[in-house]
Amino acid sequence: MRFDAQRIAIIVATGREEAWPYARVFESLKVAGVTWYEMCLVEYRLTYFGDGGSYTEILPSVENPPKTSGRFDAERIESAFQSYQRREISYALFLERIAGHGVCRYRVDMAERTFDYLGKNLGEKYRKDIPGV
């Protein structure tokens, strides 16, 4: 499908308001033409890409945005991911934790159905298959 930025904005807003499960958000974004997206923790923004287009969302301000610090630690990133998947922590706390374990950004590849958690240094990468989609 052709990239549709207006539709993506609606999906993102509605999904957040109605607390859609991630699988529904993922599939809806894919149908709207998203091929991959990236969350930048440094700038606290999400950018969706596909078919030569992009749509950027600056996330709502938070009192204490996550700060990237510490050594890149795949085990702790996985632990934060598992806590988030079990709904033990919020998305904001998940971002704070992965930032504290050295993640600067993460990418989602819609075709491969993977998350890549990336650090500030070359080679700092932890790949995770997306569960349930």
C-alpha atoms as a PDB file:
ATOM      1  CA  MET A   1       0.000   0.000   0.000  1.00  0.00           C
ATOM      2  CA  ARG A   2       1.093   3.571  -0.648  1.00  0.00           C
ATOM      3  CA  PHE A   3       2.412   5.531   2.343  1.00  0.00           C
ATOM      4  CA  ASP A   4      -0.418   7.566   3.887  1.00  0.00           C
ATOM      5  CA  ALA A   5       0.862  10.054   6.511  1.00  0.00           C
ATOM      6  CA  GLN A   6      -2.618  11.306   7.409  1.00  0.00           C
ATOM      7  CA  ARG A   7      -3.837   7.777   8.063  1.00  0.00           C
ATOM      8  CA  ILE A   8      -0.719   7.041  10.128  1.00  0.00           C
ATOM      9  CA  ALA A   9      -1.393  10.081  12.327  1.00  0.00           C
ATOM     10  CA  ILE A  10      -4.932   8.817  12.950  1.00  0.00           C
ATOM     11  CA  ILE A  11      -3.737   5.271  13.724  1.00  0.00           C
ATOM     12  CA  VAL A  12      -1.129   6.534  16.173  1.00  0.00           C
ATOM     13  CA  ALA A  13      -3.538   8.876  17.974  1.00  0.00           C
ATOM     14  CA  THR A  14      -6.434   6.412  18.089  1.00  0.00           C
ATOM     15  CA  GLY A  15      -4.211   3.514  19.116  1.00  0.00           C
ATOM     16  CA  ARG A  16      -2.818   5.545  22.004  1.00  0.00           C
ATOM     17  CA  GLU A  17      -6.239   6.895  23.093  1.00  0.00           C
ATOM     18  CA  GLU A  18      -7.941   3.508  22.948  1.00  0.00           C
ATOM     19  CA  ALA A  19      -4.916   1.523  24.217  1.00  0.00           C
ATOM     20  CA  TRP A  20      -4.802  -0.785  21.194  1.00  0.00           C
ATOM     21  CA  PRO A  21      -2.663  -3.915  21.560  1.00  0.00           C
ATOM     22  CA  TYR A  22       0.679  -3.597  19.769  1.00  0.00           C
ATOM     23  CA  ALA A  23      -0.291  -6.243  17.178  1.00  0.00           C
ATOM     24  CA  ARG A  24      -3.235  -4.091  16.056  1.00  0.00           C
ATOM     25  CA  VAL A  25      -1.103  -0.946  15.827  1.00  0.00           C
ATOM     26  CA  PHE A  26       1.595  -2.849  13.932  1.00  0.00           C
ATOM     27  CA  GLU A  27      -0.797  -4.306  11.345  1.00  0.00           C
ATOM     28  CA  SER A  28      -2.642  -0.984  10.916  1.00  0.00           C
ATOM     29  CA  LEU A  29       0.634   0.872  10.304  1.00  0.00           C
ATOM     30  CA  LYS A  30       1.696  -1.765   7.812  1.00  0.00           C
ATOM     31  CA  VAL A  31      -1.591  -1.401   5.882  1.00  0.00           C
ATOM     32  CA  ALA A  32      -1.037   2.395   5.873  1.00  0.00           C
ATOM     33  CA  GLY A  33       2.266   1.852   4.039  1.00  0.00           C
ATOM     34  CA  VAL A  34       4.810   1.927   6.887  1.00  0.00           C
ATOM     35  CA  THR A  35       7.828  -0.246   6.061  1.00  0.00           C
ATOM     36  CA  TRP A  36       9.874   0.728   9.117  1.00  0.00           C
ATOM     37  CA  TYR A  37       9.937   3.241  11.928  1.00  0.00           C
ATOM     38  CA  GLU A  38      12.423   4.570  14.420  1.00  0.00           C
ATOM     39  CA  MET A  39      12.133   5.889  17.959  1.00  0.00           C
ATOM     40  CA  CYS A  40      14.881   8.392  18.789  1.00  0.00           C
ATOM     41  CA  LEU A  41      15.291   8.556  22.561  1.00  0.00           C
ATOM     42  CA  VAL A  42      17.604  11.559  22.390  1.00  0.00           C
ATOM     43  CA  GLU A  43      14.992  13.733  20.647  1.00  0.00           C
ATOM     44  CA  TYR A  44      11.968  11.813  22.000  1.00  0.00           C
ATOM     45  CA  ARG A  45      10.398  11.418  18.554  1.00  0.00           C
ATOM     46  CA  LEU A  46       9.012   8.645  16.381  1.00  0.00           C
ATOM     47  CA  THR A  47       9.451   8.710  12.603  1.00  0.00           C
ATOM     48  CA  TYR A  48       7.562   6.362  10.293  1.00  0.00           C
ATOM     49  CA  PHE A  49       8.923   5.592   6.793  1.00  0.00           C
ATOM     50  CA  GLY A  50       7.588   3.968   3.643  1.00  0.00           C
ATOM     51  CA  ASP A  51       7.442   4.363  -0.139  1.00  0.00           C
ATOM     52  CA  GLY A  52       9.569   7.524  -0.137  1.00  0.00           C
ATOM     53  CA  GLY A  53       7.468   9.252   2.538  1.00  0.00           C
ATOM     54  CA  SER A  54       7.835   9.875   6.243  1.00  0.00           C
ATOM     55  CA  TYR A  55       5.746  11.059   9.151  1.00  0.00           C
ATOM     56  CA  THR A  56       7.347  12.335  12.366  1.00  0.00           C
ATOM     57  CA  GLU A  57       5.654  12.488  15.709  1.00  0.00           C
ATOM     58  CA  ILE A  58       7.204  14.389  18.595  1.00  0.00           C
ATOM     59  CA  LEU A  59       5.999  12.534  21.650  1.00  0.00           C
ATOM     60  CA  PRO A  60       4.112  14.403  24.327  1.00  0.00           C
ATOM     61  CA  SER A  61       6.449  16.081  26.732  1.00  0.00           C
ATOM     62  CA  VAL A  62       7.167  14.239  29.910  1.00  0.00           C
ATOM     63  CA  GLU A  63       8.441  15.599  33.175  1.00  0.00           C
ATOM     64  CA  ASN A  64      11.690  13.635  32.944  1.00  0.00           C
ATOM     65  CA  PRO A  65      12.403  12.463  29.374  1.00  0.00           C
ATOM     66  CA  PRO A  66      14.691   9.423  29.197  1.00  0.00           C
ATOM     67  CA  LYS A  67      18.416  10.105  29.142  1.00  0.00           C
ATOM     68  CA  THR A  68      20.726   7.713  27.350  1.00  0.00           C
ATOM     69  CA  SER A  69      23.424   6.664  29.739  1.00  0.00           C
ATOM     70  CA  GLY A  70      25.387   3.700  30.870  1.00  0.00           C
ATOM     71  CA  ARG A  71      26.945   0.799  29.066  1.00  0.00           C
ATOM     72  CA  PHE A  72      24.976  -0.934  26.315  1.00  0.00           C
ATOM     73  CA  ASP A  73      23.537  -4.011  28.038  1.00  0.00           C
ATOM     74  CA  ALA A  74      21.485  -6.449  25.937  1.00  0.00           C
ATOM     75  CA  GLU A  75      20.443  -8.543  28.949  1.00  0.00           C
ATOM     76  CA  ARG A  76      18.966  -5.543  30.728  1.00  0.00           C
ATOM     77  CA  ILE A  77      17.312  -4.348  27.520  1.00  0.00           C
ATOM     78  CA  GLU A  78      15.683  -7.777  27.237  1.00  0.00           C
ATOM     79  CA  SER A  79      14.588  -7.596  30.887  1.00  0.00           C
ATOM     80  CA  ALA A  80      12.953  -4.189  30.313  1.00  0.00           C
ATOM     81  CA  PHE A  81      11.279  -5.540  27.168  1.00  0.00           C
ATOM     82  CA  GLN A  82       9.863  -8.516  29.084  1.00  0.00           C
ATOM     83  CA  SER A  83       8.555  -6.269  31.881  1.00  0.00           C
ATOM     84  CA  TYR A  84       6.852  -4.059  29.307  1.00  0.00           C
ATOM     85  CA  GLN A  85       5.374  -7.070  27.476  1.00  0.00           C
ATOM     86  CA  ARG A  86       3.900  -8.353  30.763  1.00  0.00           C
ATOM     87  CA  ARG A  87       2.423  -4.854  31.288  1.00  0.00           C
ATOM     88  CA  GLU A  88       4.367  -4.448  34.538  1.00  0.00           C
ATOM     89  CA  ILE A  89       5.734  -1.082  33.396  1.00  0.00           C
ATOM     90  CA  SER A  90       4.470   1.766  31.221  1.00  0.00           C
ATOM     91  CA  TYR A  91       5.889   2.656  27.810  1.00  0.00           C
ATOM     92  CA  ALA A  92       7.482   5.776  29.344  1.00  0.00           C
ATOM     93  CA  LEU A  93       9.227   3.662  32.004  1.00  0.00           C
ATOM     94  CA  PHE A  94      10.279   1.138  29.343  1.00  0.00           C
ATOM     95  CA  LEU A  95      11.918   3.964  27.355  1.00  0.00           C
ATOM     96  CA  GLU A  96      13.615   5.260  30.500  1.00  0.00           C
ATOM     97  CA  ARG A  97      14.998   1.813  31.300  1.00  0.00           C
ATOM     98  CA  ILE A  98      16.336   1.031  27.842  1.00  0.00           C
ATOM     99  CA  ALA A  99      17.895   4.499  27.649  1.00  0.00           C
ATOM    100  CA  GLY A 100      19.587   3.769  30.968  1.00  0.00           C
ATOM    101  CA  HIS A 101      20.986   0.581  29.437  1.00  0.00           C
ATOM    102  CA  GLY A 102      22.651   2.443  26.567  1.00  0.00           C
ATOM    103  CA  VAL A 103      19.921   2.553  23.896  1.00  0.00           C
ATOM    104  CA  CYS A 104      19.827   5.768  21.833  1.00  0.00           C
ATOM    105  CA  ARG A 105      17.151   4.610  19.398  1.00  0.00           C
ATOM    106  CA  TYR A 106      15.255   1.589  18.271  1.00  0.00           C
ATOM    107  CA  ARG A 107      14.021   0.585  14.831  1.00  0.00           C
ATOM    108  CA  VAL A 108      11.109  -1.582  13.824  1.00  0.00           C
ATOM    109  CA  ASP A 109      11.268  -3.420  10.501  1.00  0.00           C
ATOM    110  CA  MET A 110       7.727  -4.272   9.422  1.00  0.00           C
ATOM    111  CA  ALA A 111       8.726  -6.921   6.835  1.00  0.00           C
ATOM    112  CA  GLU A 112      11.228  -8.720   9.063  1.00  0.00           C
ATOM    113  CA  ARG A 113       9.079  -8.136  12.169  1.00  0.00           C
ATOM    114  CA  THR A 114      12.054  -7.168  14.289  1.00  0.00           C
ATOM    115  CA  PHE A 115      13.094  -4.555  16.826  1.00  0.00           C
ATOM    116  CA  ASP A 116      16.712  -3.349  16.650  1.00  0.00           C
ATOM    117  CA  TYR A 117      17.847  -1.584  19.816  1.00  0.00           C
ATOM    118  CA  LEU A 118      20.849   0.597  18.946  1.00  0.00           C
ATOM    119  CA  GLY A 119      23.490   2.234  21.113  1.00  0.00           C
ATOM    120  CA  LYS A 120      25.647   5.245  20.450  1.00  0.00           C
ATOM    121  CA  ASN A 121      28.692   3.213  19.374  1.00  0.00           C
ATOM    122  CA  LEU A 122      29.099   1.230  16.156  1.00  0.00           C
ATOM    123  CA  GLY A 123      28.186  -2.401  16.742  1.00  0.00           C
ATOM    124  CA  GLU A 124      25.956  -1.764  19.754  1.00  0.00           C
ATOM    125  CA  LYS A 125      22.826  -3.542  18.611  1.00  0.00           C
ATOM    126  CA  TYR A 126      20.349  -5.967  20.095  1.00  0.00           C
ATOM    127  CA  ARG A 127      17.806  -7.570  17.767  1.00  0.00           C
ATOM    128  CA  LYS A 128      14.502  -8.939  18.985  1.00  0.00           C
ATOM    129  CA  ASP A 129      11.737 -10.634  17.016  1.00  0.00           C
ATOM    130  CA  ILE A 130       8.387  -8.936  17.483  1.00  0.00           C
ATOM    131  CA  PRO A 131       6.148 -11.298  19.437  1.00  0.00           C
ATOM    132  CA  GLY A 132       2.526 -11.820  18.555  1.00  0.00           C
ATOM    133  CA  VAL A 133       2.368 -10.110  15.166  1.00  0.00           C
END
